[in-house]
Amino acid sequence: MTPAPSETDSLDDVLLRIRHCDLCQDILPLGPRPVVQAASGARILIAGQAPGSRVHESGVPFDDPSGKRLRDWLGVNSQQFYDTSLFAIIPMAFCYPGRGRSGDLPPPQLCAQTWRQALLERLPNLQLTLVIGQYAQAWHLPQPGRTLTDTVKDWRKLDRSIMPLPHPSPRNNFWLRRNPWFESKLLPELKERVTTALAGPDILSQ
């Protein structure tokens, strides 16, 4: 059984433990294959849901149509996106949870309970956190009773260092069509904040 991180663990220590984690192996249909990207210098945190089956196969975060759309939203290319000095990609669960009736199953809570806080504490240079989907928003923006649409629609009310987003999955095409303000209003601001965060430290807080 994989031990939980200790206070003396470095970020590399925590990542090594995660890559050998087997805590959820009994409930994972394809077995454990943790997918995570992080380095202490990362400026932007992408807080997502959990890898899909395609990402499980490749071991590369957002290596699927969702990732292509997300990079378009952010205005970055693949080289920037996978540069650990720029982006940390830390989903709520690191392994593919399997399929349910209407899509992938929710991320197992044990993963975030075990690893998430330890990872976030070791990312001191974050300038911007992108909170993708309802499970990440429940962790980073706990607002009981609010829908994902309400949370994303109220993005202007949040600190500039955090931005809630819907999941970029093609399954959300209907949501995007029903909420045209997301593309016309939020995405230009998102690109601006990403550009600012990548340009250097502490600019968003000024």
N, C-alpha and C. Protein backbone atom coordinates (compact mmCIF):
# COMPACT_ATOMS: atom_id res chain seq x y z
N MET A 1 0.84 -1.19 0.00
CA MET A 1 0.00 0.00 0.00
C MET A 1 0.88 1.24 0.00
N THR A 2 0.59 2.19 -0.87
CA THR A 2 1.37 3.40 -0.98
C THR A 2 1.19 4.28 0.24
N PRO A 3 2.28 4.70 0.90
CA PRO A 3 2.14 5.58 2.08
C PRO A 3 1.79 7.00 1.67
N ALA A 4 1.06 7.70 2.53
CA ALA A 4 0.73 9.09 2.28
C ALA A 4 1.99 9.95 2.40
N PRO A 5 1.99 11.14 1.79
CA PRO A 5 3.17 11.99 1.86
C PRO A 5 3.42 12.50 3.28
N SER A 6 4.68 12.76 3.58
CA SER A 6 5.05 13.32 4.88
C SER A 6 5.45 14.78 4.70
N GLU A 7 5.54 15.51 5.81
CA GLU A 7 5.86 16.93 5.75
C GLU A 7 7.26 17.17 5.20
N THR A 8 8.14 16.21 5.36
CA THR A 8 9.53 16.39 4.92
C THR A 8 9.74 16.03 3.44
N ASP A 9 8.73 15.48 2.81
CA ASP A 9 8.86 15.11 1.40
C ASP A 9 9.00 16.35 0.52
N SER A 10 9.90 16.30 -0.43
CA SER A 10 9.98 17.34 -1.46
C SER A 10 8.89 17.09 -2.49
N LEU A 11 8.74 18.03 -3.41
CA LEU A 11 7.77 17.83 -4.49
C LEU A 11 8.13 16.59 -5.30
N ASP A 12 9.40 16.41 -5.59
CA ASP A 12 9.82 15.22 -6.34
C ASP A 12 9.49 13.95 -5.57
N ASP A 13 9.64 13.98 -4.24
CA ASP A 13 9.28 12.82 -3.42
C ASP A 13 7.80 12.51 -3.54
N VAL A 14 6.97 13.56 -3.45
CA VAL A 14 5.52 13.36 -3.53
C VAL A 14 5.13 12.82 -4.91
N LEU A 15 5.72 13.38 -5.96
CA LEU A 15 5.41 12.90 -7.31
C LEU A 15 5.82 11.45 -7.50
N LEU A 16 6.96 11.07 -6.92
CA LEU A 16 7.41 9.68 -7.01
C LEU A 16 6.42 8.75 -6.30
N ARG A 17 5.95 9.16 -5.15
CA ARG A 17 4.95 8.36 -4.43
C ARG A 17 3.68 8.23 -5.26
N ILE A 18 3.26 9.33 -5.88
CA ILE A 18 2.04 9.31 -6.69
C ILE A 18 2.19 8.35 -7.86
N ARG A 19 3.34 8.38 -8.50
CA ARG A 19 3.53 7.53 -9.69
C ARG A 19 3.54 6.04 -9.34
N HIS A 20 3.75 5.72 -8.07
CA HIS A 20 3.71 4.33 -7.62
C HIS A 20 2.45 4.03 -6.78
N CYS A 21 1.50 4.97 -6.80
CA CYS A 21 0.31 4.83 -5.95
C CYS A 21 -0.58 3.68 -6.44
N ASP A 22 -1.07 2.88 -5.48
CA ASP A 22 -2.00 1.80 -5.80
C ASP A 22 -3.21 1.81 -4.86
N LEU A 23 -3.49 2.97 -4.25
CA LEU A 23 -4.55 3.05 -3.24
C LEU A 23 -5.92 2.68 -3.80
N CYS A 24 -6.17 3.01 -5.06
CA CYS A 24 -7.50 2.79 -5.65
C CYS A 24 -7.54 1.61 -6.61
N GLN A 25 -6.53 0.77 -6.60
CA GLN A 25 -6.42 -0.26 -7.63
C GLN A 25 -7.62 -1.20 -7.68
N ASP A 26 -8.28 -1.41 -6.55
CA ASP A 26 -9.41 -2.35 -6.52
C ASP A 26 -10.65 -1.82 -7.22
N ILE A 27 -10.71 -0.50 -7.47
CA ILE A 27 -11.91 0.06 -8.10
C ILE A 27 -11.62 0.64 -9.48
N LEU A 28 -10.37 0.54 -9.94
CA LEU A 28 -10.02 1.10 -11.24
C LEU A 28 -10.11 0.01 -12.32
N PRO A 29 -10.96 0.19 -13.33
CA PRO A 29 -11.18 -0.87 -14.32
C PRO A 29 -9.95 -1.22 -15.14
N LEU A 30 -9.07 -0.26 -15.36
CA LEU A 30 -7.85 -0.50 -16.13
C LEU A 30 -6.60 -0.51 -15.26
N GLY A 31 -6.81 -0.48 -13.95
CA GLY A 31 -5.67 -0.47 -13.03
C GLY A 31 -5.09 0.93 -12.88
N PRO A 32 -4.18 1.10 -11.92
CA PRO A 32 -3.61 2.43 -11.69
C PRO A 32 -2.59 2.82 -12.76
N ARG A 33 -2.70 4.03 -13.23
CA ARG A 33 -1.67 4.67 -14.05
C ARG A 33 -1.77 6.17 -13.82
N PRO A 34 -1.18 6.66 -12.73
CA PRO A 34 -1.32 8.07 -12.38
C PRO A 34 -0.75 8.99 -13.46
N VAL A 35 -1.52 10.01 -13.80
CA VAL A 35 -1.10 11.00 -14.79
C VAL A 35 -1.15 12.37 -14.11
N VAL A 36 0.02 12.98 -13.97
CA VAL A 36 0.11 14.27 -13.30
C VAL A 36 1.34 14.99 -13.82
N GLN A 37 1.29 16.32 -13.82
CA GLN A 37 2.42 17.13 -14.27
C GLN A 37 2.61 18.27 -13.28
N ALA A 38 3.81 18.42 -12.72
CA ALA A 38 4.04 19.49 -11.75
C ALA A 38 5.53 19.75 -11.59
N ALA A 39 5.87 21.00 -11.34
CA ALA A 39 7.22 21.41 -10.97
C ALA A 39 7.08 22.65 -10.10
N SER A 40 8.04 22.88 -9.23
CA SER A 40 7.91 23.95 -8.24
C SER A 40 7.83 25.33 -8.87
N GLY A 41 8.35 25.49 -10.09
CA GLY A 41 8.31 26.79 -10.74
C GLY A 41 7.06 27.07 -11.54
N ALA A 42 6.12 26.13 -11.59
CA ALA A 42 4.91 26.29 -12.41
C ALA A 42 4.15 27.56 -12.04
N ARG A 43 3.65 28.25 -13.06
CA ARG A 43 2.95 29.52 -12.85
C ARG A 43 1.43 29.37 -12.94
N ILE A 44 0.97 28.35 -13.66
CA ILE A 44 -0.47 28.14 -13.83
C ILE A 44 -0.81 26.72 -13.41
N LEU A 45 -1.84 26.60 -12.58
CA LEU A 45 -2.35 25.29 -12.18
C LEU A 45 -3.62 24.99 -12.96
N ILE A 46 -3.65 23.85 -13.62
CA ILE A 46 -4.87 23.33 -14.23
C ILE A 46 -5.43 22.26 -13.32
N ALA A 47 -6.52 22.59 -12.66
CA ALA A 47 -7.18 21.67 -11.73
C ALA A 47 -8.36 21.04 -12.46
N GLY A 48 -8.16 19.82 -12.93
CA GLY A 48 -9.18 19.14 -13.73
C GLY A 48 -9.90 18.05 -12.97
N GLN A 49 -10.44 17.10 -13.71
CA GLN A 49 -11.28 16.05 -13.13
C GLN A 49 -10.49 14.75 -12.96
N ALA A 50 -10.28 14.00 -14.01
CA ALA A 50 -9.53 12.75 -13.99
C ALA A 50 -9.20 12.39 -15.43
N PRO A 51 -8.15 11.63 -15.66
CA PRO A 51 -7.82 11.24 -17.03
C PRO A 51 -8.92 10.41 -17.67
N GLY A 52 -9.10 10.57 -18.97
CA GLY A 52 -9.97 9.69 -19.72
C GLY A 52 -9.21 8.46 -20.18
N SER A 53 -9.89 7.58 -20.90
CA SER A 53 -9.27 6.33 -21.33
C SER A 53 -8.12 6.57 -22.29
N ARG A 54 -8.23 7.58 -23.15
CA ARG A 54 -7.16 7.87 -24.10
C ARG A 54 -5.91 8.37 -23.37
N VAL A 55 -6.09 9.21 -22.37
CA VAL A 55 -4.96 9.69 -21.59
C VAL A 55 -4.37 8.55 -20.77
N HIS A 56 -5.20 7.65 -20.30
CA HIS A 56 -4.69 6.47 -19.59
C HIS A 56 -3.73 5.69 -20.48
N GLU A 57 -4.06 5.58 -21.74
CA GLU A 57 -3.21 4.82 -22.67
C GLU A 57 -1.88 5.53 -22.93
N SER A 58 -1.92 6.84 -23.10
CA SER A 58 -0.70 7.57 -23.47
C SER A 58 0.12 8.00 -22.27
N GLY A 59 -0.54 8.20 -21.14
CA GLY A 59 0.16 8.71 -19.96
C GLY A 59 0.45 10.20 -20.03
N VAL A 60 -0.14 10.91 -21.02
CA VAL A 60 0.10 12.34 -21.22
C VAL A 60 -1.18 13.10 -20.89
N PRO A 61 -1.14 14.05 -19.95
CA PRO A 61 -2.38 14.75 -19.58
C PRO A 61 -2.99 15.52 -20.73
N PHE A 62 -4.30 15.46 -20.85
CA PHE A 62 -5.05 16.17 -21.89
C PHE A 62 -4.54 15.84 -23.29
N ASP A 63 -4.16 14.61 -23.50
CA ASP A 63 -3.73 14.14 -24.82
C ASP A 63 -4.94 13.59 -25.57
N ASP A 64 -5.90 14.47 -25.82
CA ASP A 64 -7.17 14.07 -26.41
C ASP A 64 -7.87 15.32 -26.95
N PRO A 65 -9.04 15.17 -27.56
CA PRO A 65 -9.74 16.36 -28.09
C PRO A 65 -10.02 17.41 -27.02
N SER A 66 -10.25 16.99 -25.77
CA SER A 66 -10.46 17.96 -24.69
C SER A 66 -9.23 18.84 -24.52
N GLY A 67 -8.06 18.24 -24.61
CA GLY A 67 -6.82 18.99 -24.45
C GLY A 67 -6.61 19.98 -25.57
N LYS A 68 -6.94 19.58 -26.79
CA LYS A 68 -6.79 20.50 -27.93
C LYS A 68 -7.68 21.72 -27.73
N ARG A 69 -8.92 21.48 -27.32
CA ARG A 69 -9.83 22.61 -27.10
C ARG A 69 -9.34 23.47 -25.93
N LEU A 70 -8.85 22.83 -24.87
CA LEU A 70 -8.37 23.60 -23.73
C LEU A 70 -7.20 24.49 -24.13
N ARG A 71 -6.26 23.96 -24.90
CA ARG A 71 -5.13 24.79 -25.34
C ARG A 71 -5.60 25.95 -26.22
N ASP A 72 -6.62 25.71 -27.04
CA ASP A 72 -7.20 26.80 -27.82
C ASP A 72 -7.80 27.86 -26.90
N TRP A 73 -8.52 27.43 -25.87
CA TRP A 73 -9.09 28.37 -24.91
C TRP A 73 -8.01 29.23 -24.26
N LEU A 74 -6.89 28.59 -23.92
CA LEU A 74 -5.82 29.29 -23.20
C LEU A 74 -4.95 30.14 -24.12
N GLY A 75 -4.96 29.84 -25.41
CA GLY A 75 -4.11 30.54 -26.34
C GLY A 75 -2.66 30.12 -26.24
N VAL A 76 -2.41 28.84 -25.96
CA VAL A 76 -1.04 28.33 -25.86
C VAL A 76 -0.88 27.14 -26.80
N ASN A 77 0.37 26.81 -27.12
CA ASN A 77 0.64 25.65 -27.94
C ASN A 77 1.04 24.47 -27.06
N SER A 78 1.23 23.31 -27.67
CA SER A 78 1.55 22.11 -26.91
C SER A 78 2.87 22.24 -26.17
N GLN A 79 3.86 22.88 -26.79
CA GLN A 79 5.16 23.03 -26.14
C GLN A 79 5.03 23.82 -24.85
N GLN A 80 4.26 24.88 -24.85
CA GLN A 80 4.04 25.65 -23.63
C GLN A 80 3.24 24.83 -22.62
N PHE A 81 2.20 24.17 -23.10
CA PHE A 81 1.28 23.46 -22.22
C PHE A 81 1.99 22.36 -21.44
N TYR A 82 2.93 21.69 -22.07
CA TYR A 82 3.62 20.58 -21.41
C TYR A 82 4.97 20.99 -20.81
N ASP A 83 5.20 22.28 -20.70
CA ASP A 83 6.39 22.80 -20.04
C ASP A 83 6.10 22.88 -18.55
N THR A 84 6.74 22.04 -17.75
CA THR A 84 6.43 21.99 -16.32
C THR A 84 6.83 23.26 -15.58
N SER A 85 7.68 24.08 -16.17
CA SER A 85 8.01 25.36 -15.53
C SER A 85 6.89 26.39 -15.72
N LEU A 86 5.93 26.07 -16.59
CA LEU A 86 4.81 26.96 -16.85
C LEU A 86 3.50 26.42 -16.29
N PHE A 87 3.20 25.16 -16.57
CA PHE A 87 1.90 24.58 -16.20
C PHE A 87 2.06 23.38 -15.27
N ALA A 88 1.31 23.38 -14.19
CA ALA A 88 1.08 22.17 -13.39
C ALA A 88 -0.31 21.65 -13.74
N ILE A 89 -0.41 20.37 -14.03
CA ILE A 89 -1.69 19.76 -14.39
C ILE A 89 -2.00 18.70 -13.34
N ILE A 90 -2.92 19.05 -12.44
CA ILE A 90 -3.19 18.21 -11.27
C ILE A 90 -4.69 17.96 -11.19
N PRO A 91 -5.17 16.85 -11.75
CA PRO A 91 -6.61 16.55 -11.68
C PRO A 91 -7.02 16.11 -10.28
N MET A 92 -8.30 16.03 -10.06
CA MET A 92 -8.82 15.62 -8.75
C MET A 92 -8.51 14.16 -8.47
N ALA A 93 -8.33 13.36 -9.50
CA ALA A 93 -7.84 11.98 -9.38
C ALA A 93 -6.90 11.73 -10.54
N PHE A 94 -5.87 10.96 -10.30
CA PHE A 94 -4.79 10.81 -11.27
C PHE A 94 -4.97 9.63 -12.21
N CYS A 95 -5.95 8.77 -11.96
CA CYS A 95 -6.14 7.57 -12.78
C CYS A 95 -7.53 7.56 -13.40
N TYR A 96 -7.65 6.88 -14.53
CA TYR A 96 -8.93 6.75 -15.22
C TYR A 96 -9.92 5.99 -14.34
N PRO A 97 -11.08 6.60 -14.01
CA PRO A 97 -12.02 5.97 -13.08
C PRO A 97 -12.99 4.99 -13.70
N GLY A 98 -13.04 4.92 -15.05
CA GLY A 98 -14.00 4.05 -15.71
C GLY A 98 -15.21 4.82 -16.22
N ARG A 99 -16.06 4.10 -16.94
CA ARG A 99 -17.22 4.71 -17.59
C ARG A 99 -18.49 4.48 -16.79
N GLY A 100 -19.35 5.51 -16.79
CA GLY A 100 -20.68 5.39 -16.24
C GLY A 100 -21.71 5.52 -17.35
N ARG A 101 -22.96 5.73 -16.99
CA ARG A 101 -24.03 5.81 -17.99
C ARG A 101 -23.92 7.04 -18.88
N SER A 102 -23.45 8.15 -18.32
CA SER A 102 -23.44 9.40 -19.08
C SER A 102 -22.03 9.96 -19.27
N GLY A 103 -21.04 9.11 -19.16
CA GLY A 103 -19.66 9.57 -19.31
C GLY A 103 -18.76 8.91 -18.29
N ASP A 104 -17.58 9.46 -18.10
CA ASP A 104 -16.64 8.89 -17.13
C ASP A 104 -17.20 9.03 -15.72
N LEU A 105 -16.85 8.07 -14.88
CA LEU A 105 -17.27 8.10 -13.49
C LEU A 105 -16.59 9.25 -12.74
N PRO A 106 -17.15 9.67 -11.60
CA PRO A 106 -16.50 10.72 -10.81
C PRO A 106 -15.11 10.29 -10.34
N PRO A 107 -14.21 11.23 -10.13
CA PRO A 107 -12.89 10.88 -9.61
C PRO A 107 -13.00 10.36 -8.18
N PRO A 108 -12.33 9.25 -7.85
CA PRO A 108 -12.37 8.74 -6.48
C PRO A 108 -11.86 9.79 -5.49
N GLN A 109 -12.60 10.02 -4.43
CA GLN A 109 -12.25 11.07 -3.47
C GLN A 109 -10.95 10.77 -2.73
N LEU A 110 -10.62 9.49 -2.58
CA LEU A 110 -9.43 9.12 -1.83
C LEU A 110 -8.17 9.73 -2.44
N CYS A 111 -8.16 9.91 -3.75
CA CYS A 111 -6.98 10.44 -4.41
C CYS A 111 -6.70 11.87 -3.94
N ALA A 112 -7.70 12.73 -4.02
CA ALA A 112 -7.51 14.12 -3.59
C ALA A 112 -7.25 14.20 -2.09
N GLN A 113 -7.94 13.37 -1.32
CA GLN A 113 -7.74 13.38 0.13
C GLN A 113 -6.31 13.02 0.52
N THR A 114 -5.70 12.18 -0.28
CA THR A 114 -4.35 11.71 0.04
C THR A 114 -3.26 12.65 -0.47
N TRP A 115 -3.42 13.17 -1.68
CA TRP A 115 -2.31 13.82 -2.36
C TRP A 115 -2.45 15.31 -2.62
N ARG A 116 -3.68 15.81 -2.74
CA ARG A 116 -3.85 17.14 -3.32
C ARG A 116 -3.21 18.25 -2.50
N GLN A 117 -3.48 18.29 -1.23
CA GLN A 117 -2.94 19.38 -0.41
C GLN A 117 -1.42 19.37 -0.40
N ALA A 118 -0.83 18.19 -0.34
CA ALA A 118 0.63 18.08 -0.33
C ALA A 118 1.22 18.65 -1.62
N LEU A 119 0.57 18.40 -2.74
CA LEU A 119 1.06 18.94 -4.01
C LEU A 119 0.92 20.47 -4.05
N LEU A 120 -0.24 20.97 -3.68
CA LEU A 120 -0.48 22.40 -3.76
C LEU A 120 0.46 23.18 -2.86
N GLU A 121 0.78 22.63 -1.70
CA GLU A 121 1.70 23.30 -0.77
C GLU A 121 3.11 23.41 -1.34
N ARG A 122 3.42 22.61 -2.34
CA ARG A 122 4.76 22.60 -2.91
C ARG A 122 4.83 23.30 -4.27
N LEU A 123 3.84 24.14 -4.53
CA LEU A 123 3.81 24.93 -5.77
C LEU A 123 3.75 26.42 -5.40
N PRO A 124 4.87 26.99 -4.97
CA PRO A 124 4.85 28.35 -4.41
C PRO A 124 4.75 29.46 -5.44
N ASN A 125 4.91 29.16 -6.72
CA ASN A 125 4.99 30.20 -7.73
C ASN A 125 3.75 30.34 -8.59
N LEU A 126 2.66 29.70 -8.19
CA LEU A 126 1.43 29.77 -8.98
C LEU A 126 0.89 31.20 -9.02
N GLN A 127 0.54 31.64 -10.22
CA GLN A 127 -0.06 32.94 -10.43
C GLN A 127 -1.54 32.84 -10.80
N LEU A 128 -1.94 31.69 -11.34
CA LEU A 128 -3.30 31.54 -11.84
C LEU A 128 -3.72 30.08 -11.69
N THR A 129 -4.93 29.87 -11.18
CA THR A 129 -5.50 28.53 -11.05
C THR A 129 -6.75 28.43 -11.91
N LEU A 130 -6.77 27.46 -12.82
CA LEU A 130 -7.91 27.21 -13.70
C LEU A 130 -8.65 25.99 -13.17
N VAL A 131 -9.89 26.21 -12.74
CA VAL A 131 -10.65 25.18 -12.04
C VAL A 131 -11.69 24.62 -13.01
N ILE A 132 -11.44 23.41 -13.49
CA ILE A 132 -12.20 22.84 -14.59
C ILE A 132 -13.19 21.78 -14.10
N GLY A 133 -14.48 22.05 -14.28
CA GLY A 133 -15.49 21.06 -13.97
C GLY A 133 -15.97 21.10 -12.53
N GLN A 134 -17.06 20.41 -12.28
CA GLN A 134 -17.75 20.51 -10.99
C GLN A 134 -16.95 19.91 -9.84
N TYR A 135 -16.18 18.87 -10.07
CA TYR A 135 -15.46 18.23 -8.96
C TYR A 135 -14.30 19.09 -8.50
N ALA A 136 -13.58 19.68 -9.42
CA ALA A 136 -12.50 20.60 -9.04
C ALA A 136 -13.07 21.86 -8.40
N GLN A 137 -14.20 22.33 -8.89
CA GLN A 137 -14.80 23.53 -8.31
C GLN A 137 -15.31 23.26 -6.91
N ALA A 138 -15.80 22.07 -6.65
CA ALA A 138 -16.25 21.72 -5.30
C ALA A 138 -15.10 21.76 -4.30
N TRP A 139 -13.87 21.47 -4.78
CA TRP A 139 -12.69 21.49 -3.90
C TRP A 139 -12.14 22.91 -3.75
N HIS A 140 -11.95 23.59 -4.86
CA HIS A 140 -11.28 24.89 -4.84
C HIS A 140 -12.22 26.06 -4.58
N LEU A 141 -13.50 25.88 -4.92
CA LEU A 141 -14.49 26.95 -4.76
C LEU A 141 -15.75 26.39 -4.11
N PRO A 142 -15.65 25.91 -2.88
CA PRO A 142 -16.81 25.25 -2.27
C PRO A 142 -17.97 26.21 -2.05
N GLN A 143 -19.01 26.03 -2.84
CA GLN A 143 -20.22 26.86 -2.74
C GLN A 143 -21.43 25.94 -2.84
N PRO A 144 -21.85 25.35 -1.74
CA PRO A 144 -22.93 24.35 -1.78
C PRO A 144 -24.18 24.88 -2.48
N GLY A 145 -24.73 24.03 -3.33
CA GLY A 145 -25.99 24.36 -4.00
C GLY A 145 -25.85 25.08 -5.31
N ARG A 146 -24.66 25.56 -5.64
CA ARG A 146 -24.48 26.28 -6.89
C ARG A 146 -24.14 25.32 -8.02
N THR A 147 -24.67 25.60 -9.19
CA THR A 147 -24.38 24.78 -10.35
C THR A 147 -23.07 25.22 -10.98
N LEU A 148 -22.53 24.36 -11.84
CA LEU A 148 -21.33 24.73 -12.58
C LEU A 148 -21.59 25.99 -13.41
N THR A 149 -22.74 26.07 -14.05
CA THR A 149 -23.05 27.24 -14.87
C THR A 149 -23.04 28.51 -14.03
N ASP A 150 -23.64 28.46 -12.83
CA ASP A 150 -23.65 29.64 -11.96
C ASP A 150 -22.24 30.04 -11.56
N THR A 151 -21.42 29.04 -11.25
CA THR A 151 -20.05 29.32 -10.82
C THR A 151 -19.24 29.97 -11.93
N VAL A 152 -19.33 29.39 -13.13
CA VAL A 152 -18.56 29.94 -14.25
C VAL A 152 -19.09 31.32 -14.64
N LYS A 153 -20.39 31.49 -14.60
CA LYS A 153 -20.98 32.77 -14.99
C LYS A 153 -20.56 33.91 -14.06
N ASP A 154 -20.24 33.57 -12.80
CA ASP A 154 -19.84 34.57 -11.82
C ASP A 154 -18.32 34.72 -11.72
N TRP A 155 -17.61 34.40 -12.78
CA TRP A 155 -16.16 34.42 -12.74
C TRP A 155 -15.59 35.79 -12.37
N ARG A 156 -16.30 36.87 -12.72
CA ARG A 156 -15.81 38.21 -12.42
C ARG A 156 -15.79 38.51 -10.92
N LYS A 157 -16.57 37.78 -10.14
CA LYS A 157 -16.67 38.03 -8.71
C LYS A 157 -15.51 37.39 -7.93
N LEU A 158 -14.74 36.56 -8.58
CA LEU A 158 -13.65 35.85 -7.92
C LEU A 158 -12.36 36.65 -8.03
N ASP A 159 -11.41 36.29 -7.18
CA ASP A 159 -10.08 36.86 -7.28
C ASP A 159 -9.51 36.59 -8.67
N ARG A 160 -8.72 37.51 -9.19
CA ARG A 160 -8.19 37.36 -10.54
C ARG A 160 -7.22 36.19 -10.68
N SER A 161 -6.78 35.64 -9.56
CA SER A 161 -5.84 34.52 -9.62
C SER A 161 -6.54 33.17 -9.79
N ILE A 162 -7.86 33.19 -9.93
CA ILE A 162 -8.59 31.92 -10.11
C ILE A 162 -9.68 32.11 -11.15
N MET A 163 -9.87 31.09 -11.98
CA MET A 163 -10.86 31.17 -13.06
C MET A 163 -11.58 29.82 -13.18
N PRO A 164 -12.90 29.77 -12.99
CA PRO A 164 -13.65 28.53 -13.17
C PRO A 164 -14.00 28.32 -14.64
N LEU A 165 -13.92 27.06 -15.08
CA LEU A 165 -14.21 26.72 -16.47
C LEU A 165 -15.06 25.46 -16.53
N PRO A 166 -15.86 25.32 -17.59
CA PRO A 166 -16.49 24.02 -17.84
C PRO A 166 -15.43 23.06 -18.38
N HIS A 167 -15.75 21.79 -18.39
CA HIS A 167 -14.80 20.85 -18.98
C HIS A 167 -14.79 21.04 -20.50
N PRO A 168 -13.60 21.01 -21.12
CA PRO A 168 -13.53 21.23 -22.57
C PRO A 168 -13.91 20.02 -23.41
N SER A 169 -14.46 19.00 -22.81
CA SER A 169 -14.85 17.80 -23.54
C SER A 169 -15.86 18.10 -24.65
N PRO A 170 -15.77 17.39 -25.77
CA PRO A 170 -16.81 17.53 -26.80
C PRO A 170 -18.21 17.24 -26.28
N ARG A 171 -18.32 16.50 -25.18
CA ARG A 171 -19.64 16.24 -24.60
C ARG A 171 -20.30 17.52 -24.10
N ASN A 172 -19.51 18.58 -23.92
CA ASN A 172 -20.06 19.84 -23.43
C ASN A 172 -20.40 20.81 -24.56
N ASN A 173 -20.45 20.33 -25.80
CA ASN A 173 -20.79 21.22 -26.92
C ASN A 173 -22.16 21.86 -26.74
N PHE A 174 -23.11 21.11 -26.20
CA PHE A 174 -24.45 21.66 -25.99
C PHE A 174 -24.41 22.79 -24.98
N TRP A 175 -23.64 22.60 -23.89
CA TRP A 175 -23.50 23.65 -22.88
C TRP A 175 -22.89 24.90 -23.51
N LEU A 176 -21.89 24.74 -24.33
CA LEU A 176 -21.23 25.88 -24.96
C LEU A 176 -22.18 26.62 -25.89
N ARG A 177 -23.02 25.88 -26.60
CA ARG A 177 -24.00 26.53 -27.49
C ARG A 177 -25.04 27.30 -26.68
N ARG A 178 -25.41 26.78 -25.52
CA ARG A 178 -26.42 27.43 -24.69
C ARG A 178 -25.87 28.62 -23.92
N ASN A 179 -24.56 28.74 -23.84
CA ASN A 179 -23.93 29.80 -23.06
C ASN A 179 -22.91 30.55 -23.91
N PRO A 180 -23.37 31.29 -24.91
CA PRO A 180 -22.45 31.97 -25.84
C PRO A 180 -21.58 33.02 -25.16
N TRP A 181 -22.00 33.53 -24.00
CA TRP A 181 -21.19 34.49 -23.26
C TRP A 181 -19.83 33.92 -22.88
N PHE A 182 -19.76 32.58 -22.75
CA PHE A 182 -18.48 31.97 -22.36
C PHE A 182 -17.41 32.28 -23.41
N GLU A 183 -17.76 32.11 -24.67
CA GLU A 183 -16.79 32.36 -25.74
C GLU A 183 -16.57 33.85 -25.97
N SER A 184 -17.63 34.64 -25.91
CA SER A 184 -17.51 36.06 -26.26
C SER A 184 -16.93 36.91 -25.12
N LYS A 185 -17.20 36.53 -23.87
CA LYS A 185 -16.79 37.36 -22.73
C LYS A 185 -15.65 36.73 -21.92
N LEU A 186 -15.83 35.48 -21.53
CA LEU A 186 -14.85 34.87 -20.63
C LEU A 186 -13.55 34.50 -21.33
N LEU A 187 -13.62 33.90 -22.51
CA LEU A 187 -12.40 33.42 -23.16
C LEU A 187 -11.39 34.53 -23.46
N PRO A 188 -11.80 35.70 -23.93
CA PRO A 188 -10.79 36.75 -24.10
C PRO A 188 -10.09 37.12 -22.80
N GLU A 189 -10.85 37.18 -21.70
CA GLU A 189 -10.25 37.47 -20.40
C GLU A 189 -9.33 36.34 -19.95
N LEU A 190 -9.74 35.11 -20.22
CA LEU A 190 -8.92 33.96 -19.86
C LEU A 190 -7.57 34.02 -20.58
N LYS A 191 -7.59 34.26 -21.87
CA LYS A 191 -6.33 34.35 -22.63
C LYS A 191 -5.44 35.47 -22.08
N GLU A 192 -6.04 36.58 -21.72
CA GLU A 192 -5.26 37.70 -21.18
C GLU A 192 -4.60 37.31 -19.86
N ARG A 193 -5.35 36.64 -19.00
CA ARG A 193 -4.78 36.24 -17.70
C ARG A 193 -3.69 35.19 -17.86
N VAL A 194 -3.88 34.28 -18.79
CA VAL A 194 -2.84 33.27 -19.05
C VAL A 194 -1.57 33.95 -19.54
N THR A 195 -1.70 34.86 -20.49
CA THR A 195 -0.53 35.57 -21.01
C THR A 195 0.19 36.33 -19.90
N THR A 196 -0.57 36.97 -19.03
CA THR A 196 0.01 37.71 -17.92
C THR A 196 0.73 36.79 -16.95
N ALA A 197 0.11 35.67 -16.61
CA ALA A 197 0.71 34.74 -15.66
C ALA A 197 2.00 34.15 -16.21
N LEU A 198 2.04 33.86 -17.49
CA LEU A 198 3.23 33.27 -18.09
C LEU A 198 4.35 34.29 -18.25
N ALA A 199 3.99 35.58 -18.22
CA ALA A 199 5.00 36.62 -18.44
C ALA A 199 5.91 36.82 -17.24
N GLY A 200 5.43 36.49 -16.03
CA GLY A 200 6.27 36.68 -14.86
C GLY A 200 5.48 36.61 -13.59
N PRO A 201 6.16 36.60 -12.44
CA PRO A 201 5.51 36.44 -11.14
C PRO A 201 4.80 37.69 -10.67
N ASP A 202 3.73 37.45 -9.88
CA ASP A 202 3.09 38.49 -9.08
C ASP A 202 2.37 39.57 -9.88
N ILE A 203 2.22 39.39 -11.20
CA ILE A 203 1.58 40.45 -11.97
C ILE A 203 0.07 40.46 -11.73
N LEU A 204 -0.55 39.29 -11.64
CA LEU A 204 -1.99 39.23 -11.47
C LEU A 204 -2.46 39.87 -10.16
N SER A 205 -1.60 39.85 -9.15
CA SER A 205 -2.01 40.36 -7.85
C SER A 205 -1.85 41.86 -7.74
N GLN A 206 -1.29 42.52 -8.73
CA GLN A 206 -1.05 43.96 -8.66
C GLN A 206 -2.33 44.74 -8.94
